[in-house]
N, C-alpha and C. Protein backbone atom coordinates (compact mmCIF):
# COMPACT_ATOMS: atom_id res chain seq x y z
N UNK A 1 144.23 59.68 138.24
CA UNK A 1 144.87 58.77 139.06
C UNK A 1 143.98 58.32 140.02
N UNK A 2 143.99 57.21 140.60
CA UNK A 2 143.27 56.47 141.36
C UNK A 2 143.65 56.88 142.91
N UNK A 3 142.48 57.43 143.60
CA UNK A 3 142.77 57.81 145.20
C UNK A 3 143.09 56.55 146.04
N UNK A 4 142.71 55.25 145.61
CA UNK A 4 143.12 54.24 146.39
C UNK A 4 143.63 53.19 145.30
N UNK A 5 144.98 53.21 144.84
CA UNK A 5 145.65 52.38 143.84
C UNK A 5 145.50 51.08 144.12
N UNK A 6 145.30 49.95 143.49
CA UNK A 6 145.47 48.88 143.65
C UNK A 6 144.08 48.00 144.37
N UNK A 7 143.25 48.96 144.57
CA UNK A 7 142.14 48.38 145.33
C UNK A 7 141.07 47.78 144.41
N UNK A 8 140.86 46.56 144.31
CA UNK A 8 139.97 45.65 143.57
C UNK A 8 138.80 45.13 144.21
N UNK A 9 138.08 44.66 143.50
CA UNK A 9 136.72 44.09 144.00
C UNK A 9 136.52 42.78 143.31
N UNK A 10 135.35 42.17 143.50
CA UNK A 10 135.12 40.89 142.72
C UNK A 10 135.06 41.11 141.47
N UNK A 11 135.82 40.44 140.41
CA UNK A 11 135.71 40.73 139.12
C UNK A 11 134.13 40.54 138.56
N UNK A 12 133.78 41.42 137.49
CA UNK A 12 132.52 41.36 136.93
C UNK A 12 131.30 41.23 137.70
N UNK A 13 131.27 42.11 138.66
CA UNK A 13 129.90 42.25 139.45
C UNK A 13 129.45 43.68 139.55
N UNK A 14 130.05 44.60 139.14
CA UNK A 14 129.62 46.09 139.07
C UNK A 14 128.42 46.09 138.31
N UNK A 15 127.62 47.06 138.37
CA UNK A 15 126.43 47.54 137.82
C UNK A 15 126.84 48.84 136.78
N UNK A 16 128.00 49.02 136.63
CA UNK A 16 128.38 50.17 135.72
C UNK A 16 128.24 49.82 134.30
N UNK A 17 127.62 50.72 133.66
CA UNK A 17 127.47 50.86 132.20
C UNK A 17 127.67 52.08 131.46
N UNK A 18 128.20 51.90 130.25
CA UNK A 18 128.64 53.36 129.59
C UNK A 18 128.11 52.95 128.19
N UNK A 19 127.06 54.31 127.69
CA UNK A 19 126.55 53.98 126.42
C UNK A 19 127.64 54.76 125.35
N UNK A 20 128.40 54.15 124.80
CA UNK A 20 129.24 54.95 123.70
C UNK A 20 128.52 56.06 122.87
N UNK A 21 127.37 55.61 122.38
CA UNK A 21 126.42 56.34 121.56
C UNK A 21 126.04 57.73 121.84
N UNK A 22 125.83 57.68 123.37
CA UNK A 22 125.50 58.84 124.12
C UNK A 22 126.64 59.73 124.61
N UNK A 23 127.64 59.07 124.87
CA UNK A 23 128.60 59.81 125.49
C UNK A 23 129.47 60.98 124.43
N UNK A 24 129.49 62.17 125.13
CA UNK A 24 130.13 63.19 124.47
C UNK A 24 131.63 63.47 124.27
N UNK A 25 132.20 62.75 125.24
CA UNK A 25 133.66 62.77 125.46
C UNK A 25 134.00 63.73 126.37
N UNK A 26 133.21 64.63 127.19
CA UNK A 26 133.41 65.68 127.93
C UNK A 26 134.62 65.45 128.97
N UNK A 27 134.70 64.13 129.55
CA UNK A 27 135.69 63.86 130.47
C UNK A 27 135.43 64.11 131.88
N UNK A 28 133.90 64.45 132.28
CA UNK A 28 133.81 64.49 133.68
C UNK A 28 133.79 63.30 134.56
N UNK A 29 133.42 62.24 133.75
CA UNK A 29 133.54 60.79 134.46
C UNK A 29 134.89 60.72 134.83
N UNK A 30 136.04 60.86 134.18
CA UNK A 30 137.46 60.72 134.39
C UNK A 30 137.76 61.57 135.70
N UNK A 31 137.10 62.85 135.90
CA UNK A 31 137.60 63.89 136.70
C UNK A 31 137.00 63.33 138.23
N UNK A 32 135.66 62.75 138.16
CA UNK A 32 135.02 62.57 139.32
C UNK A 32 135.14 61.17 139.90
N UNK A 33 135.84 60.24 139.15
CA UNK A 33 136.01 58.87 139.67
C UNK A 33 137.17 58.79 140.59
N UNK A 34 136.84 58.33 141.99
CA UNK A 34 137.99 58.12 142.74
C UNK A 34 138.85 56.79 142.48
N UNK A 35 138.41 56.10 141.41
CA UNK A 35 139.33 55.01 141.21
C UNK A 35 139.72 54.97 139.80
N UNK A 36 139.94 56.03 139.27
CA UNK A 36 140.33 55.78 137.89
C UNK A 36 139.78 54.83 136.71
N UNK A 37 138.52 54.65 136.87
CA UNK A 37 137.80 53.52 136.08
C UNK A 37 137.81 54.05 134.54
N UNK A 38 137.65 55.35 134.40
CA UNK A 38 137.37 55.99 132.93
C UNK A 38 138.79 56.61 132.53
N UNK A 39 138.83 56.65 131.12
CA UNK A 39 139.47 57.47 130.39
C UNK A 39 138.99 57.91 129.05
N UNK A 40 139.48 58.99 128.49
CA UNK A 40 138.62 59.44 127.08
C UNK A 40 139.89 59.00 126.01
N UNK A 41 139.34 58.39 125.06
CA UNK A 41 139.92 57.87 124.09
C UNK A 41 139.26 58.09 122.62
N UNK A 42 139.90 58.73 121.76
CA UNK A 42 139.05 59.06 120.52
C UNK A 42 137.93 59.77 120.87
N UNK A 43 137.90 60.72 121.66
CA UNK A 43 136.99 61.70 121.92
C UNK A 43 135.54 61.09 122.62
N UNK A 44 135.79 59.87 123.15
CA UNK A 44 134.78 59.12 124.03
C UNK A 44 135.21 58.50 125.06
N UNK A 45 134.45 58.58 126.13
CA UNK A 45 134.86 57.93 127.39
C UNK A 45 134.99 56.36 127.18
N UNK A 46 135.56 55.85 127.84
CA UNK A 46 135.87 54.28 127.85
C UNK A 46 136.14 53.90 129.14
N UNK A 47 135.53 52.52 129.57
CA UNK A 47 135.96 51.90 130.92
C UNK A 47 137.08 51.36 130.43
N UNK A 48 138.37 51.73 131.39
CA UNK A 48 139.60 51.14 131.48
C UNK A 48 139.61 50.06 132.56
N UNK A 49 139.01 50.10 133.49
CA UNK A 49 139.07 49.21 134.60
C UNK A 49 137.82 48.89 135.37
N UNK A 50 137.13 48.23 134.71
CA UNK A 50 135.80 48.03 135.41
C UNK A 50 135.76 47.50 136.83
N UNK A 51 136.58 46.54 136.98
CA UNK A 51 136.64 45.84 138.38
C UNK A 51 137.26 46.75 139.40
N UNK A 52 137.73 47.86 139.08
CA UNK A 52 138.07 48.98 140.11
C UNK A 52 136.73 49.89 140.47
N UNK A 53 135.79 49.70 139.67
CA UNK A 53 134.52 50.49 140.24
C UNK A 53 133.97 50.07 141.44
N UNK A 54 133.79 51.13 142.65
CA UNK A 54 133.00 50.86 143.78
C UNK A 54 131.78 51.50 144.05
N UNK A 55 130.95 51.34 142.84
CA UNK A 55 129.66 51.86 142.61
C UNK A 55 129.29 53.06 143.55
N UNK A 56 130.07 53.85 143.61
CA UNK A 56 129.72 55.27 144.50
C UNK A 56 128.93 56.10 143.78
N UNK A 57 128.97 55.98 142.29
CA UNK A 57 127.64 56.89 141.56
C UNK A 57 128.13 58.15 141.05
N UNK A 58 129.32 58.76 141.53
CA UNK A 58 129.71 60.03 141.09
C UNK A 58 129.57 60.13 139.58
N UNK A 59 130.05 59.25 138.71
CA UNK A 59 130.08 59.21 137.24
C UNK A 59 128.77 59.41 136.71
N UNK A 60 127.86 58.57 137.13
CA UNK A 60 126.40 58.63 136.64
C UNK A 60 125.80 59.92 137.16
N UNK A 61 126.06 60.53 138.34
CA UNK A 61 125.40 61.65 138.73
C UNK A 61 125.77 62.99 138.03
N UNK A 62 127.15 62.94 137.67
CA UNK A 62 127.73 63.84 137.12
C UNK A 62 127.76 64.06 135.62
N UNK A 63 127.41 62.94 134.77
CA UNK A 63 127.52 62.98 133.36
C UNK A 63 126.37 63.71 132.80
N UNK A 64 126.73 64.64 132.07
CA UNK A 64 125.82 65.77 131.49
C UNK A 64 125.09 65.09 130.39
N UNK A 65 125.67 64.13 129.80
CA UNK A 65 125.00 63.48 128.68
C UNK A 65 124.03 62.07 128.96
N UNK A 66 124.05 61.93 130.44
CA UNK A 66 123.50 60.68 130.93
C UNK A 66 124.02 59.28 130.21
N UNK A 67 125.51 59.33 129.90
CA UNK A 67 125.67 57.91 129.06
C UNK A 67 126.38 57.10 130.11
N UNK A 68 126.50 57.37 131.23
CA UNK A 68 126.73 56.44 132.44
C UNK A 68 125.71 56.13 133.37
N UNK A 69 125.67 54.73 133.55
CA UNK A 69 124.79 54.63 134.73
C UNK A 69 125.38 53.46 135.64
N UNK A 70 124.80 53.46 136.91
CA UNK A 70 125.40 52.71 137.73
C UNK A 70 124.69 52.74 139.16
N UNK A 71 124.14 51.61 139.69
CA UNK A 71 123.28 51.55 140.79
C UNK A 71 124.22 51.69 141.91
N UNK A 72 124.13 52.98 142.40
CA UNK A 72 125.10 53.43 143.41
C UNK A 72 124.82 52.67 144.78
N UNK A 73 125.67 52.23 145.38
CA UNK A 73 125.56 51.74 146.91
C UNK A 73 124.93 50.44 146.90
N UNK A 74 125.00 49.65 145.68
CA UNK A 74 124.49 48.24 145.91
C UNK A 74 125.45 47.38 145.26
N UNK A 75 125.28 46.14 145.41
CA UNK A 75 126.11 45.18 144.70
C UNK A 75 127.46 44.60 145.74
N UNK A 76 128.07 43.89 145.03
CA UNK A 76 129.27 43.11 145.79
C UNK A 76 130.39 44.38 146.32
N UNK A 77 130.73 45.19 145.35
CA UNK A 77 131.74 46.13 145.70
C UNK A 77 131.18 47.06 146.78
N UNK A 78 129.92 47.51 147.09
CA UNK A 78 129.62 48.15 148.33
C UNK A 78 129.60 47.17 149.45
N UNK A 79 129.29 45.86 149.26
CA UNK A 79 129.31 44.87 150.21
C UNK A 79 130.77 44.78 150.97
N UNK A 80 131.68 44.77 149.92
CA UNK A 80 133.23 44.41 150.40
C UNK A 80 133.49 45.70 151.08
N UNK A 81 133.01 47.00 150.53
CA UNK A 81 133.57 48.32 151.15
C UNK A 81 133.09 48.27 152.50
N UNK A 82 131.79 47.98 152.82
CA UNK A 82 131.05 47.95 154.03
C UNK A 82 131.94 46.98 155.25
N UNK A 83 132.23 45.91 154.47
CA UNK A 83 132.78 44.68 155.36
C UNK A 83 134.11 45.38 155.85
N UNK A 84 134.76 46.05 154.98
CA UNK A 84 136.27 46.44 155.13
C UNK A 84 136.04 47.73 156.48
N UNK A 85 134.93 48.26 156.27
CA UNK A 85 134.59 49.44 157.44
C UNK A 85 134.21 48.89 158.77
N UNK A 86 133.59 47.87 158.79
CA UNK A 86 132.98 47.13 159.92
C UNK A 86 133.86 45.86 160.54
N UNK A 87 134.50 45.37 159.32
CA UNK A 87 135.34 44.43 160.19
C UNK A 87 134.56 42.99 159.89
N UNK A 88 133.34 42.95 159.37
CA UNK A 88 132.69 41.64 159.22
C UNK A 88 132.62 41.14 157.92
N UNK A 89 132.11 40.09 157.60
CA UNK A 89 131.89 39.59 156.12
C UNK A 89 131.23 40.34 155.16
N UNK A 90 131.57 40.11 153.88
CA UNK A 90 130.80 41.07 152.92
C UNK A 90 129.17 40.25 152.63
N UNK A 91 128.21 41.27 152.75
CA UNK A 91 127.05 40.80 152.56
C UNK A 91 126.16 41.64 151.74
N UNK A 92 125.83 41.20 150.66
CA UNK A 92 125.09 42.04 149.58
C UNK A 92 123.84 41.60 149.24
N UNK A 93 123.44 40.34 149.90
CA UNK A 93 122.10 39.90 149.52
C UNK A 93 121.79 39.05 148.37
N UNK A 94 123.19 38.77 147.71
CA UNK A 94 123.17 37.72 146.53
C UNK A 94 123.70 36.60 146.81
N UNK A 95 123.55 36.07 148.08
CA UNK A 95 124.21 34.82 148.31
C UNK A 95 123.70 33.72 147.84
N UNK A 96 124.03 32.57 148.30
CA UNK A 96 123.41 31.24 147.61
C UNK A 96 122.05 31.08 147.64
N UNK A 97 121.22 31.78 148.54
CA UNK A 97 119.99 31.84 148.84
C UNK A 97 119.11 32.07 147.36
N UNK A 98 120.01 33.12 146.65
CA UNK A 98 119.22 33.40 145.32
C UNK A 98 120.14 32.95 144.08
N UNK A 99 120.98 32.01 144.24
CA UNK A 99 121.59 31.18 143.22
C UNK A 99 123.09 31.64 142.99
N UNK A 100 123.43 32.60 143.62
CA UNK A 100 124.71 33.14 143.43
C UNK A 100 125.56 33.25 144.94
N UNK A 101 127.08 32.99 144.56
CA UNK A 101 127.58 33.29 145.75
C UNK A 101 128.77 34.18 145.65
N UNK A 102 128.25 35.35 145.01
CA UNK A 102 129.24 36.27 144.85
C UNK A 102 130.11 36.93 145.95
N UNK A 103 129.24 37.06 147.08
CA UNK A 103 130.04 37.69 148.17
C UNK A 103 129.98 36.77 149.32
N UNK A 104 129.45 35.77 149.33
CA UNK A 104 129.57 34.96 150.57
C UNK A 104 130.39 33.70 150.42
């Protein structure tokens, strides 16, 4: 269950990756994810809601098989989170000066 239901970020920008071949299906990612991004199906973790990932890194730090990777604290999701806290505009450094307007 998500701690912040309905919270969405920009679609398709998270750095979250799951290696199905390495996953052991232990379910730790499901337990530690605050946004219910993962579920276990057929003895493997699956990403059920990629765009709910806030890139906190709890899943990758706690995965005993090292099947989950995410660059914690970067990207548009973190920029949006910071903007919500500060009341300013999102700024992740990937604006139009680098050929992308994902947060700007």
